[in-house]
């Protein structure tokens, strides 16, 4: 465990994986967050972003906001999606960067990766890859990315400093970060930082 973390990292990752596997397998289940079209509608994903995507591409979406509120990546750019889940944001980005661009989605939950790969195939999008991994260990060379996006994931990462250091390593000089997430503006008590249920909830 890194000295900057107070929570049991392996246990946290295991429980988060289990929780999001439930979303992947049954996206219409009962969760403490919105999923699918209900979420995309609330978060400002207009029809121009979702046009042509089948319902399975959208139904397991579980983001907290819209990282494309700051604009879409440009054709030819390379994008990393940290915590890509069922792949919707990565697919939106992949369509935007075509032709010539590439997207790498990174997620630690095998069920979500499987779903994301199916969704990419169903959408006919071939300039996106999905890899199992962590925010603290991105599977790209130094300076590879023009843009790093993430949606509701970095709040689940126990060592946020390591995650942001990794983002900066992966970005080219002058690259962009477009992150949508949950933020707390007060110091979180140590007892709460050790509570895995609070991390998940």
N, C-alpha and C. Protein backbone atom coordinates (compact mmCIF):
# COMPACT_ATOMS: atom_id res chain seq x y z
N UNK A 1 0.85 -1.19 0.00
CA UNK A 1 0.00 0.00 0.00
C UNK A 1 0.89 1.25 0.00
N UNK A 2 0.56 2.22 -0.86
CA UNK A 2 1.33 3.44 -0.95
C UNK A 2 1.13 4.26 0.32
N UNK A 3 2.17 5.00 0.71
CA UNK A 3 2.09 5.78 1.94
C UNK A 3 1.02 6.86 1.90
N UNK A 4 0.57 7.25 0.69
CA UNK A 4 -0.45 8.29 0.60
C UNK A 4 -1.85 7.73 0.73
N UNK A 5 -2.00 6.41 0.81
CA UNK A 5 -3.33 5.82 0.91
C UNK A 5 -3.56 5.26 2.30
N UNK A 6 -4.81 5.38 2.75
CA UNK A 6 -5.19 4.84 4.06
C UNK A 6 -6.07 3.60 3.91
N UNK A 7 -6.67 3.43 2.75
CA UNK A 7 -7.60 2.33 2.53
C UNK A 7 -6.83 1.11 2.02
N UNK A 8 -7.40 -0.07 2.22
CA UNK A 8 -6.84 -1.30 1.67
C UNK A 8 -7.09 -1.29 0.16
N UNK A 9 -6.04 -1.01 -0.62
CA UNK A 9 -6.20 -0.80 -2.06
C UNK A 9 -6.73 -2.03 -2.76
N UNK A 10 -6.20 -3.20 -2.44
CA UNK A 10 -6.65 -4.42 -3.11
C UNK A 10 -8.12 -4.70 -2.83
N UNK A 11 -8.52 -4.50 -1.58
CA UNK A 11 -9.93 -4.73 -1.23
C UNK A 11 -10.83 -3.71 -1.91
N UNK A 12 -10.40 -2.45 -1.94
CA UNK A 12 -11.19 -1.42 -2.60
C UNK A 12 -11.36 -1.74 -4.08
N UNK A 13 -10.28 -2.10 -4.75
CA UNK A 13 -10.37 -2.41 -6.17
C UNK A 13 -11.29 -3.60 -6.41
N UNK A 14 -11.19 -4.61 -5.55
CA UNK A 14 -12.03 -5.80 -5.70
C UNK A 14 -13.50 -5.44 -5.56
N UNK A 15 -13.84 -4.62 -4.58
CA UNK A 15 -15.24 -4.28 -4.35
C UNK A 15 -15.78 -3.35 -5.44
N UNK A 16 -14.93 -2.45 -5.93
CA UNK A 16 -15.36 -1.59 -7.03
C UNK A 16 -15.59 -2.42 -8.29
N UNK A 17 -14.68 -3.36 -8.56
CA UNK A 17 -14.86 -4.26 -9.71
C UNK A 17 -16.17 -5.03 -9.60
N UNK A 18 -16.43 -5.55 -8.43
CA UNK A 18 -17.66 -6.32 -8.23
C UNK A 18 -18.89 -5.45 -8.47
N UNK A 19 -18.84 -4.23 -7.96
CA UNK A 19 -19.98 -3.32 -8.08
C UNK A 19 -20.24 -2.98 -9.56
N UNK A 20 -19.17 -2.66 -10.30
CA UNK A 20 -19.37 -2.25 -11.69
C UNK A 20 -19.58 -3.43 -12.62
N UNK A 21 -19.18 -4.62 -12.20
CA UNK A 21 -19.56 -5.81 -12.96
C UNK A 21 -21.08 -5.97 -12.92
N UNK A 22 -21.70 -5.64 -11.79
CA UNK A 22 -23.16 -5.69 -11.69
C UNK A 22 -23.79 -4.74 -12.71
N UNK A 23 -23.19 -3.55 -12.86
CA UNK A 23 -23.71 -2.59 -13.85
C UNK A 23 -23.55 -3.15 -15.26
N UNK A 24 -22.40 -3.78 -15.53
CA UNK A 24 -22.15 -4.33 -16.86
C UNK A 24 -23.15 -5.43 -17.21
N UNK A 25 -23.44 -6.29 -16.24
CA UNK A 25 -24.32 -7.43 -16.50
C UNK A 25 -25.80 -7.05 -16.43
N UNK A 26 -26.14 -6.08 -15.58
CA UNK A 26 -27.55 -5.72 -15.40
C UNK A 26 -27.66 -4.20 -15.26
N UNK A 27 -27.47 -3.45 -16.35
CA UNK A 27 -27.45 -1.99 -16.25
C UNK A 27 -28.77 -1.36 -15.82
N UNK A 28 -29.85 -2.14 -15.82
CA UNK A 28 -31.14 -1.60 -15.39
C UNK A 28 -31.43 -1.92 -13.93
N UNK A 29 -30.44 -2.42 -13.21
CA UNK A 29 -30.61 -2.75 -11.80
C UNK A 29 -30.69 -1.49 -10.93
N UNK A 30 -30.79 -1.72 -9.63
CA UNK A 30 -30.89 -0.62 -8.67
C UNK A 30 -29.49 -0.22 -8.20
N UNK A 31 -29.10 1.02 -8.50
CA UNK A 31 -27.80 1.55 -8.08
C UNK A 31 -28.00 2.91 -7.43
N UNK A 32 -26.96 3.39 -6.75
CA UNK A 32 -27.08 4.71 -6.10
C UNK A 32 -26.77 5.85 -7.08
N UNK A 33 -26.63 5.52 -8.37
CA UNK A 33 -26.38 6.51 -9.41
C UNK A 33 -27.23 6.14 -10.62
N UNK A 34 -27.44 7.13 -11.48
CA UNK A 34 -28.22 6.90 -12.70
C UNK A 34 -27.35 6.20 -13.74
N UNK A 35 -27.99 5.43 -14.61
CA UNK A 35 -27.29 4.75 -15.69
C UNK A 35 -28.04 4.99 -17.00
N UNK A 36 -27.35 4.67 -18.11
CA UNK A 36 -27.99 4.67 -19.42
C UNK A 36 -28.54 6.01 -19.86
N UNK A 37 -29.64 5.96 -20.60
CA UNK A 37 -30.23 7.18 -21.17
C UNK A 37 -30.66 8.16 -20.09
N UNK A 38 -31.10 7.64 -18.97
CA UNK A 38 -31.49 8.54 -17.88
C UNK A 38 -30.31 9.40 -17.47
N UNK A 39 -29.13 8.80 -17.42
CA UNK A 39 -27.93 9.56 -17.05
C UNK A 39 -27.48 10.47 -18.18
N UNK A 40 -27.41 9.97 -19.40
CA UNK A 40 -26.92 10.81 -20.50
C UNK A 40 -27.84 12.01 -20.73
N UNK A 41 -29.14 11.81 -20.60
CA UNK A 41 -30.07 12.93 -20.76
C UNK A 41 -29.83 13.99 -19.70
N UNK A 42 -29.65 13.56 -18.45
CA UNK A 42 -29.45 14.51 -17.35
C UNK A 42 -28.12 15.26 -17.48
N UNK A 43 -27.14 14.62 -18.10
CA UNK A 43 -25.78 15.18 -18.12
C UNK A 43 -25.44 15.91 -19.42
N UNK A 44 -26.42 16.09 -20.27
CA UNK A 44 -26.21 16.92 -21.44
C UNK A 44 -25.56 16.25 -22.64
N UNK A 45 -25.71 14.93 -22.73
CA UNK A 45 -25.26 14.25 -23.94
C UNK A 45 -26.34 14.41 -25.00
N UNK A 46 -26.13 15.37 -25.87
CA UNK A 46 -27.14 15.65 -26.89
C UNK A 46 -27.20 14.57 -27.95
N UNK A 47 -28.24 14.60 -28.77
CA UNK A 47 -28.41 13.58 -29.81
C UNK A 47 -27.24 13.51 -30.77
N UNK A 48 -26.53 14.64 -30.97
CA UNK A 48 -25.40 14.63 -31.90
C UNK A 48 -24.25 13.76 -31.38
N UNK A 49 -24.14 13.60 -30.05
CA UNK A 49 -23.09 12.75 -29.49
C UNK A 49 -23.47 11.27 -29.55
N UNK A 50 -24.75 10.98 -29.41
CA UNK A 50 -25.20 9.59 -29.28
C UNK A 50 -25.80 9.02 -30.56
N UNK A 51 -25.91 9.83 -31.58
CA UNK A 51 -26.54 9.39 -32.83
C UNK A 51 -25.84 8.14 -33.38
N UNK A 52 -26.65 7.14 -33.69
CA UNK A 52 -26.12 5.93 -34.30
C UNK A 52 -25.68 4.85 -33.32
N UNK A 53 -25.61 5.17 -32.04
CA UNK A 53 -25.24 4.16 -31.06
C UNK A 53 -26.48 3.38 -30.63
N UNK A 54 -26.38 2.06 -30.63
CA UNK A 54 -27.50 1.22 -30.22
C UNK A 54 -27.68 1.30 -28.70
N UNK A 55 -28.82 0.84 -28.23
CA UNK A 55 -29.12 0.90 -26.80
C UNK A 55 -28.08 0.19 -25.94
N UNK A 56 -27.57 -0.99 -26.33
CA UNK A 56 -26.53 -1.62 -25.51
C UNK A 56 -25.28 -0.75 -25.34
N UNK A 57 -24.99 0.13 -26.29
CA UNK A 57 -23.84 1.02 -26.17
C UNK A 57 -24.05 2.07 -25.08
N UNK A 58 -25.30 2.39 -24.81
CA UNK A 58 -25.62 3.48 -23.90
C UNK A 58 -26.05 2.98 -22.52
N UNK A 59 -26.68 1.82 -22.44
CA UNK A 59 -27.40 1.44 -21.22
C UNK A 59 -26.51 1.23 -20.00
N UNK A 60 -25.22 0.89 -20.17
CA UNK A 60 -24.35 0.70 -19.01
C UNK A 60 -23.54 1.95 -18.66
N UNK A 61 -23.83 3.06 -19.33
CA UNK A 61 -23.16 4.32 -19.00
C UNK A 61 -23.45 4.68 -17.56
N UNK A 62 -22.40 5.09 -16.82
CA UNK A 62 -22.58 5.42 -15.41
C UNK A 62 -21.72 6.60 -15.01
N UNK A 63 -21.62 7.60 -15.89
CA UNK A 63 -20.80 8.77 -15.60
C UNK A 63 -21.50 9.75 -14.66
N UNK A 64 -20.75 10.78 -14.24
CA UNK A 64 -21.28 11.77 -13.31
C UNK A 64 -21.48 13.13 -13.96
N UNK A 65 -20.90 13.33 -15.16
CA UNK A 65 -21.05 14.60 -15.88
C UNK A 65 -20.63 14.34 -17.33
N UNK A 66 -20.35 15.39 -18.07
CA UNK A 66 -20.05 15.25 -19.49
C UNK A 66 -18.66 15.83 -19.78
N UNK A 67 -17.65 14.98 -19.95
CA UNK A 67 -16.31 15.52 -20.22
C UNK A 67 -16.19 16.21 -21.57
N UNK A 68 -17.19 16.05 -22.43
CA UNK A 68 -17.16 16.72 -23.73
C UNK A 68 -17.79 18.11 -23.68
N UNK A 69 -18.18 18.55 -22.47
CA UNK A 69 -18.68 19.92 -22.31
C UNK A 69 -17.62 20.94 -22.72
N UNK A 70 -16.34 20.55 -22.64
CA UNK A 70 -15.24 21.43 -23.02
C UNK A 70 -14.88 21.27 -24.50
N UNK A 71 -15.63 20.45 -25.21
CA UNK A 71 -15.37 20.24 -26.63
C UNK A 71 -14.93 18.82 -26.93
N UNK A 72 -15.15 18.41 -28.15
CA UNK A 72 -14.74 17.09 -28.60
C UNK A 72 -13.28 17.11 -29.01
N UNK A 73 -12.59 15.98 -28.89
CA UNK A 73 -11.25 15.91 -29.46
C UNK A 73 -11.32 16.07 -30.98
N UNK A 74 -10.21 16.48 -31.57
CA UNK A 74 -10.18 16.79 -32.99
C UNK A 74 -9.74 15.59 -33.82
N UNK A 75 -10.12 15.56 -35.10
CA UNK A 75 -9.65 14.49 -35.97
C UNK A 75 -8.13 14.35 -35.91
N UNK A 76 -7.67 13.11 -35.83
CA UNK A 76 -6.25 12.83 -35.78
C UNK A 76 -5.65 12.79 -34.39
N UNK A 77 -6.39 13.23 -33.37
CA UNK A 77 -5.83 13.24 -32.02
C UNK A 77 -5.87 11.85 -31.38
N UNK A 78 -5.04 11.70 -30.35
CA UNK A 78 -5.00 10.45 -29.59
C UNK A 78 -5.54 10.72 -28.18
N UNK A 79 -6.42 9.85 -27.73
CA UNK A 79 -7.17 10.06 -26.49
C UNK A 79 -7.04 8.84 -25.59
N UNK A 80 -6.89 9.09 -24.31
CA UNK A 80 -6.99 8.03 -23.29
C UNK A 80 -8.26 8.29 -22.49
N UNK A 81 -9.06 7.25 -22.29
CA UNK A 81 -10.24 7.32 -21.43
C UNK A 81 -9.96 6.47 -20.20
N UNK A 82 -9.77 7.13 -19.05
CA UNK A 82 -9.45 6.43 -17.81
C UNK A 82 -10.75 5.99 -17.15
N UNK A 83 -10.87 4.68 -16.91
CA UNK A 83 -12.11 4.15 -16.35
C UNK A 83 -13.20 4.14 -17.40
N UNK A 84 -12.90 3.53 -18.53
CA UNK A 84 -13.77 3.63 -19.71
C UNK A 84 -15.08 2.86 -19.58
N UNK A 85 -15.21 2.00 -18.58
CA UNK A 85 -16.48 1.32 -18.34
C UNK A 85 -17.01 0.61 -19.58
N UNK A 86 -18.30 0.81 -19.85
CA UNK A 86 -18.92 0.19 -21.01
C UNK A 86 -18.53 0.81 -22.34
N UNK A 87 -17.71 1.86 -22.29
CA UNK A 87 -17.10 2.38 -23.50
C UNK A 87 -17.75 3.56 -24.17
N UNK A 88 -18.85 4.10 -23.63
CA UNK A 88 -19.58 5.13 -24.37
C UNK A 88 -18.72 6.36 -24.64
N UNK A 89 -18.05 6.90 -23.61
CA UNK A 89 -17.23 8.10 -23.83
C UNK A 89 -16.09 7.81 -24.80
N UNK A 90 -15.48 6.64 -24.69
CA UNK A 90 -14.40 6.27 -25.61
C UNK A 90 -14.92 6.18 -27.04
N UNK A 91 -16.13 5.68 -27.22
CA UNK A 91 -16.70 5.58 -28.57
C UNK A 91 -17.03 6.95 -29.13
N UNK A 92 -17.55 7.84 -28.30
CA UNK A 92 -17.80 9.22 -28.75
C UNK A 92 -16.49 9.85 -29.18
N UNK A 93 -15.44 9.67 -28.37
CA UNK A 93 -14.14 10.24 -28.70
C UNK A 93 -13.57 9.62 -29.97
N UNK A 94 -13.71 8.30 -30.12
CA UNK A 94 -13.15 7.62 -31.29
C UNK A 94 -13.81 8.11 -32.57
N UNK A 95 -15.10 8.33 -32.51
CA UNK A 95 -15.79 8.85 -33.70
C UNK A 95 -15.30 10.27 -34.02
N UNK A 96 -15.04 11.05 -32.95
CA UNK A 96 -14.61 12.44 -33.16
C UNK A 96 -13.21 12.53 -33.74
N UNK A 97 -12.31 11.62 -33.37
CA UNK A 97 -10.92 11.72 -33.81
C UNK A 97 -10.67 11.06 -35.17
N UNK A 98 -11.65 10.34 -35.69
CA UNK A 98 -11.51 9.74 -37.02
C UNK A 98 -11.62 10.84 -38.07
N UNK A 99 -10.88 10.74 -39.17
CA UNK A 99 -9.92 9.67 -39.46
C UNK A 99 -8.55 10.00 -38.87
N UNK A 100 -7.80 8.97 -38.62
CA UNK A 100 -6.40 9.14 -38.24
C UNK A 100 -6.12 9.15 -36.76
N UNK A 101 -7.15 9.37 -35.94
CA UNK A 101 -6.94 9.40 -34.50
C UNK A 101 -7.15 8.04 -33.86
N UNK A 102 -6.80 7.95 -32.59
CA UNK A 102 -6.90 6.68 -31.87
C UNK A 102 -7.32 6.94 -30.43
N UNK A 103 -8.07 6.00 -29.87
CA UNK A 103 -8.51 6.08 -28.48
C UNK A 103 -8.12 4.79 -27.77
N UNK A 104 -7.61 4.95 -26.55
CA UNK A 104 -7.32 3.82 -25.68
C UNK A 104 -8.18 3.97 -24.43
N UNK A 105 -9.06 3.00 -24.20
CA UNK A 105 -9.85 2.96 -22.98
C UNK A 105 -9.18 2.04 -21.98
N UNK A 106 -9.13 2.48 -20.73
CA UNK A 106 -8.50 1.69 -19.66
C UNK A 106 -9.52 1.49 -18.55
N UNK A 107 -9.71 0.24 -18.17
CA UNK A 107 -10.65 -0.06 -17.09
C UNK A 107 -10.13 -1.29 -16.35
N UNK A 108 -10.48 -1.40 -15.06
CA UNK A 108 -9.99 -2.53 -14.29
C UNK A 108 -11.01 -3.65 -14.15
N UNK A 109 -12.21 -3.47 -14.71
CA UNK A 109 -13.29 -4.44 -14.54
C UNK A 109 -13.48 -5.27 -15.81
N UNK A 110 -13.13 -6.56 -15.78
CA UNK A 110 -13.23 -7.37 -16.99
C UNK A 110 -14.61 -7.36 -17.64
N UNK A 111 -15.67 -7.36 -16.84
CA UNK A 111 -17.02 -7.37 -17.41
C UNK A 111 -17.29 -6.10 -18.20
N UNK A 112 -16.80 -4.98 -17.72
CA UNK A 112 -16.97 -3.72 -18.46
C UNK A 112 -16.14 -3.73 -19.74
N UNK A 113 -14.92 -4.26 -19.69
CA UNK A 113 -14.08 -4.32 -20.87
C UNK A 113 -14.73 -5.18 -21.96
N UNK A 114 -15.29 -6.30 -21.53
CA UNK A 114 -15.98 -7.18 -22.48
C UNK A 114 -17.14 -6.45 -23.13
N UNK A 115 -17.90 -5.73 -22.32
CA UNK A 115 -19.04 -4.99 -22.85
C UNK A 115 -18.57 -3.89 -23.80
N UNK A 116 -17.51 -3.17 -23.44
CA UNK A 116 -17.01 -2.08 -24.26
C UNK A 116 -16.54 -2.59 -25.62
N UNK A 117 -15.86 -3.73 -25.63
CA UNK A 117 -15.40 -4.29 -26.90
C UNK A 117 -16.58 -4.70 -27.79
N UNK A 118 -17.61 -5.28 -27.18
CA UNK A 118 -18.82 -5.62 -27.94
C UNK A 118 -19.46 -4.37 -28.51
N UNK A 119 -19.51 -3.31 -27.69
CA UNK A 119 -20.13 -2.07 -28.14
C UNK A 119 -19.38 -1.45 -29.30
N UNK A 120 -18.05 -1.48 -29.24
CA UNK A 120 -17.25 -0.93 -30.33
C UNK A 120 -17.50 -1.70 -31.62
N UNK A 121 -17.57 -3.02 -31.52
CA UNK A 121 -17.83 -3.84 -32.70
C UNK A 121 -19.22 -3.56 -33.26
N UNK A 122 -20.21 -3.43 -32.37
CA UNK A 122 -21.58 -3.16 -32.82
C UNK A 122 -21.69 -1.81 -33.50
N UNK A 123 -20.89 -0.84 -33.03
CA UNK A 123 -20.93 0.50 -33.61
C UNK A 123 -20.05 0.62 -34.85
N UNK A 124 -19.28 -0.44 -35.15
CA UNK A 124 -18.40 -0.40 -36.31
C UNK A 124 -17.23 0.55 -36.15
N UNK A 125 -16.80 0.73 -34.91
CA UNK A 125 -15.69 1.66 -34.62
C UNK A 125 -14.42 0.84 -34.37
N UNK A 126 -13.40 1.07 -35.18
CA UNK A 126 -12.20 0.24 -35.08
C UNK A 126 -10.95 1.01 -34.69
N UNK A 127 -11.09 2.29 -34.33
CA UNK A 127 -9.92 3.06 -33.90
C UNK A 127 -9.90 3.26 -32.39
N UNK A 128 -10.45 2.27 -31.68
CA UNK A 128 -10.45 2.28 -30.21
C UNK A 128 -10.02 0.91 -29.72
N UNK A 129 -9.22 0.90 -28.65
CA UNK A 129 -8.80 -0.32 -27.98
C UNK A 129 -9.14 -0.19 -26.51
N UNK A 130 -9.49 -1.32 -25.90
CA UNK A 130 -9.79 -1.33 -24.47
C UNK A 130 -8.82 -2.27 -23.76
N UNK A 131 -8.17 -1.75 -22.72
CA UNK A 131 -7.15 -2.49 -21.99
C UNK A 131 -7.50 -2.56 -20.50
N UNK A 132 -7.21 -3.69 -19.89
CA UNK A 132 -7.37 -3.79 -18.45
C UNK A 132 -6.19 -3.10 -17.78
N UNK A 133 -6.49 -2.25 -16.81
CA UNK A 133 -5.41 -1.54 -16.12
C UNK A 133 -5.97 -0.56 -15.11
N UNK A 134 -5.05 0.22 -14.54
CA UNK A 134 -5.38 1.17 -13.48
C UNK A 134 -4.99 2.58 -13.91
N UNK A 135 -5.63 3.56 -13.29
CA UNK A 135 -5.32 4.96 -13.57
C UNK A 135 -3.86 5.28 -13.25
N UNK A 136 -3.30 4.55 -12.30
CA UNK A 136 -1.92 4.81 -11.88
C UNK A 136 -0.89 4.14 -12.80
N UNK A 137 -1.36 3.35 -13.78
CA UNK A 137 -0.45 2.62 -14.68
C UNK A 137 -1.08 2.56 -16.07
N UNK A 138 -1.01 3.63 -16.81
CA UNK A 138 -1.65 3.69 -18.12
C UNK A 138 -0.79 3.00 -19.18
N UNK A 139 -1.40 2.21 -20.06
CA UNK A 139 -0.64 1.39 -21.02
C UNK A 139 -0.27 2.13 -22.30
N UNK A 140 0.36 3.30 -22.15
CA UNK A 140 0.80 4.07 -23.31
C UNK A 140 2.19 4.63 -23.03
N UNK A 141 2.94 4.94 -24.09
CA UNK A 141 4.26 5.54 -23.89
C UNK A 141 4.16 6.98 -23.38
N UNK A 142 5.27 7.50 -22.89
CA UNK A 142 5.34 8.90 -22.45
C UNK A 142 4.91 9.82 -23.59
N UNK A 143 4.08 10.81 -23.25
CA UNK A 143 3.70 11.83 -24.22
C UNK A 143 2.83 11.34 -25.37
N UNK A 144 2.16 10.21 -25.18
CA UNK A 144 1.38 9.62 -26.27
C UNK A 144 0.10 10.39 -26.56
N UNK A 145 -0.56 10.90 -25.54
CA UNK A 145 -1.94 11.39 -25.67
C UNK A 145 -2.01 12.90 -25.91
N UNK A 146 -2.93 13.28 -26.76
CA UNK A 146 -3.30 14.69 -26.91
C UNK A 146 -4.33 15.09 -25.85
N UNK A 147 -5.19 14.14 -25.49
CA UNK A 147 -6.28 14.41 -24.56
C UNK A 147 -6.44 13.22 -23.63
N UNK A 148 -6.65 13.50 -22.34
CA UNK A 148 -7.05 12.46 -21.38
C UNK A 148 -8.43 12.83 -20.86
N UNK A 149 -9.37 11.88 -20.98
CA UNK A 149 -10.71 12.08 -20.45
C UNK A 149 -10.96 11.06 -19.35
N UNK A 150 -11.90 11.37 -18.49
CA UNK A 150 -12.34 10.43 -17.46
C UNK A 150 -13.68 10.93 -16.94
N UNK A 151 -14.52 10.00 -16.49
CA UNK A 151 -15.87 10.37 -16.10
C UNK A 151 -16.29 9.59 -14.85
N UNK A 152 -16.15 10.24 -13.69
CA UNK A 152 -16.62 9.63 -12.45
C UNK A 152 -15.75 8.51 -11.95
N UNK A 153 -14.46 8.55 -12.25
CA UNK A 153 -13.58 7.43 -11.91
C UNK A 153 -12.46 7.82 -10.95
N UNK A 154 -11.86 8.98 -11.13
CA UNK A 154 -10.71 9.34 -10.30
C UNK A 154 -11.09 9.47 -8.83
N UNK A 155 -12.36 9.73 -8.55
CA UNK A 155 -12.78 9.75 -7.14
C UNK A 155 -12.66 8.38 -6.50
N UNK A 156 -12.61 7.31 -7.31
CA UNK A 156 -12.49 5.95 -6.79
C UNK A 156 -11.03 5.51 -6.66
N UNK A 157 -10.10 6.32 -7.14
CA UNK A 157 -8.68 5.95 -7.12
C UNK A 157 -8.09 6.34 -5.77
N UNK A 158 -7.50 5.40 -5.05
CA UNK A 158 -7.00 5.72 -3.70
C UNK A 158 -5.82 6.68 -3.70
N UNK A 159 -4.93 6.58 -4.67
CA UNK A 159 -3.76 7.46 -4.72
C UNK A 159 -3.92 8.42 -5.89
N UNK A 160 -4.60 9.52 -5.63
CA UNK A 160 -4.89 10.47 -6.70
C UNK A 160 -3.64 11.18 -7.21
N UNK A 161 -2.68 11.39 -6.33
CA UNK A 161 -1.43 12.02 -6.76
C UNK A 161 -0.75 11.14 -7.81
N UNK A 162 -0.69 9.83 -7.55
CA UNK A 162 -0.08 8.91 -8.52
C UNK A 162 -0.85 8.91 -9.83
N UNK A 163 -2.18 8.98 -9.74
CA UNK A 163 -2.99 8.99 -10.96
C UNK A 163 -2.72 10.23 -11.80
N UNK A 164 -2.64 11.39 -11.15
CA UNK A 164 -2.38 12.62 -11.90
C UNK A 164 -0.94 12.67 -12.41
N UNK A 165 -0.01 12.12 -11.67
CA UNK A 165 1.36 12.02 -12.19
C UNK A 165 1.39 11.17 -13.45
N UNK A 166 0.61 10.10 -13.46
CA UNK A 166 0.56 9.21 -14.62
C UNK A 166 -0.12 9.90 -15.80
N UNK A 167 -1.15 10.68 -15.53
CA UNK A 167 -1.79 11.44 -16.59
C UNK A 167 -0.79 12.40 -17.24
N UNK A 168 -0.02 13.09 -16.40
CA UNK A 168 0.96 14.04 -16.94
C UNK A 168 2.06 13.32 -17.72
N UNK A 169 2.43 12.13 -17.30
CA UNK A 169 3.42 11.35 -18.06
C UNK A 169 2.88 10.98 -19.44
N UNK A 170 1.60 10.59 -19.49
CA UNK A 170 1.00 10.11 -20.73
C UNK A 170 0.68 11.22 -21.72
N UNK A 171 0.48 12.44 -21.21
CA UNK A 171 0.11 13.57 -22.08
C UNK A 171 1.33 14.14 -22.79
N UNK A 172 1.14 14.54 -24.04
CA UNK A 172 2.18 15.30 -24.73
C UNK A 172 2.24 16.71 -24.14
N UNK A 173 3.36 17.41 -24.30
CA UNK A 173 3.40 18.82 -23.87
C UNK A 173 2.29 19.62 -24.56
N UNK A 174 1.53 20.34 -23.78
CA UNK A 174 0.42 21.11 -24.32
C UNK A 174 -0.86 20.32 -24.48
N UNK A 175 -0.86 19.04 -24.05
CA UNK A 175 -2.06 18.22 -24.11
C UNK A 175 -3.12 18.70 -23.14
N UNK A 176 -4.32 18.10 -23.25
CA UNK A 176 -5.47 18.57 -22.48
C UNK A 176 -6.02 17.47 -21.57
N UNK A 177 -6.58 17.90 -20.46
CA UNK A 177 -7.29 17.01 -19.53
C UNK A 177 -8.74 17.46 -19.50
N UNK A 178 -9.68 16.52 -19.73
CA UNK A 178 -11.11 16.81 -19.66
C UNK A 178 -11.75 15.77 -18.74
N UNK A 179 -11.82 16.13 -17.47
CA UNK A 179 -12.24 15.17 -16.45
C UNK A 179 -13.54 15.64 -15.81
N UNK A 180 -14.50 14.74 -15.75
CA UNK A 180 -15.75 14.97 -15.03
C UNK A 180 -15.74 14.07 -13.81
N UNK A 181 -15.94 14.63 -12.63
CA UNK A 181 -15.84 13.79 -11.44
C UNK A 181 -16.55 14.40 -10.24
N UNK A 182 -16.56 13.64 -9.17
CA UNK A 182 -17.12 14.07 -7.89
C UNK A 182 -15.99 14.68 -7.08
N UNK A 183 -16.20 15.88 -6.57
CA UNK A 183 -15.16 16.56 -5.79
C UNK A 183 -15.70 16.92 -4.42
N UNK A 184 -14.83 16.83 -3.43
CA UNK A 184 -15.16 17.25 -2.06
C UNK A 184 -14.26 18.43 -1.74
N UNK A 185 -14.83 19.53 -1.28
CA UNK A 185 -14.06 20.75 -1.07
C UNK A 185 -13.64 20.95 0.38
N UNK A 186 -13.81 19.92 1.20
CA UNK A 186 -13.34 19.99 2.59
C UNK A 186 -12.47 18.77 2.86
N UNK A 187 -11.65 18.86 3.88
CA UNK A 187 -10.80 17.74 4.26
C UNK A 187 -11.66 16.56 4.71
N UNK A 188 -11.41 15.39 4.15
CA UNK A 188 -12.16 14.19 4.52
C UNK A 188 -11.48 13.57 5.74
N UNK A 189 -12.23 13.30 6.81
CA UNK A 189 -11.62 12.72 8.01
C UNK A 189 -10.95 11.38 7.72
N UNK A 190 -9.90 11.09 8.46
CA UNK A 190 -9.15 9.86 8.25
C UNK A 190 -10.04 8.63 8.38
N UNK A 191 -10.94 8.64 9.34
CA UNK A 191 -11.84 7.50 9.53
C UNK A 191 -12.67 7.24 8.27
N UNK A 192 -13.14 8.31 7.64
CA UNK A 192 -13.93 8.16 6.42
C UNK A 192 -13.08 7.65 5.27
N UNK A 193 -11.81 8.08 5.21
CA UNK A 193 -10.93 7.64 4.13
C UNK A 193 -10.55 6.17 4.25
N UNK A 194 -10.77 5.60 5.42
CA UNK A 194 -10.50 4.17 5.61
C UNK A 194 -11.74 3.31 5.34
N UNK A 195 -12.91 3.96 5.11
CA UNK A 195 -14.18 3.25 4.97
C UNK A 195 -14.47 2.94 3.50
N UNK A 196 -14.30 1.70 3.10
CA UNK A 196 -14.47 1.32 1.70
C UNK A 196 -15.90 1.57 1.23
N UNK A 197 -16.88 1.39 2.08
CA UNK A 197 -18.27 1.64 1.67
C UNK A 197 -18.47 3.09 1.26
N UNK A 198 -17.78 4.01 1.93
CA UNK A 198 -17.89 5.42 1.55
C UNK A 198 -17.18 5.69 0.22
N UNK A 199 -16.06 5.02 -0.03
CA UNK A 199 -15.39 5.16 -1.31
C UNK A 199 -16.33 4.72 -2.44
N UNK A 200 -17.01 3.62 -2.27
CA UNK A 200 -17.89 3.11 -3.33
C UNK A 200 -19.16 3.94 -3.47
N UNK A 201 -19.64 4.51 -2.37
CA UNK A 201 -20.94 5.16 -2.37
C UNK A 201 -20.90 6.61 -2.61
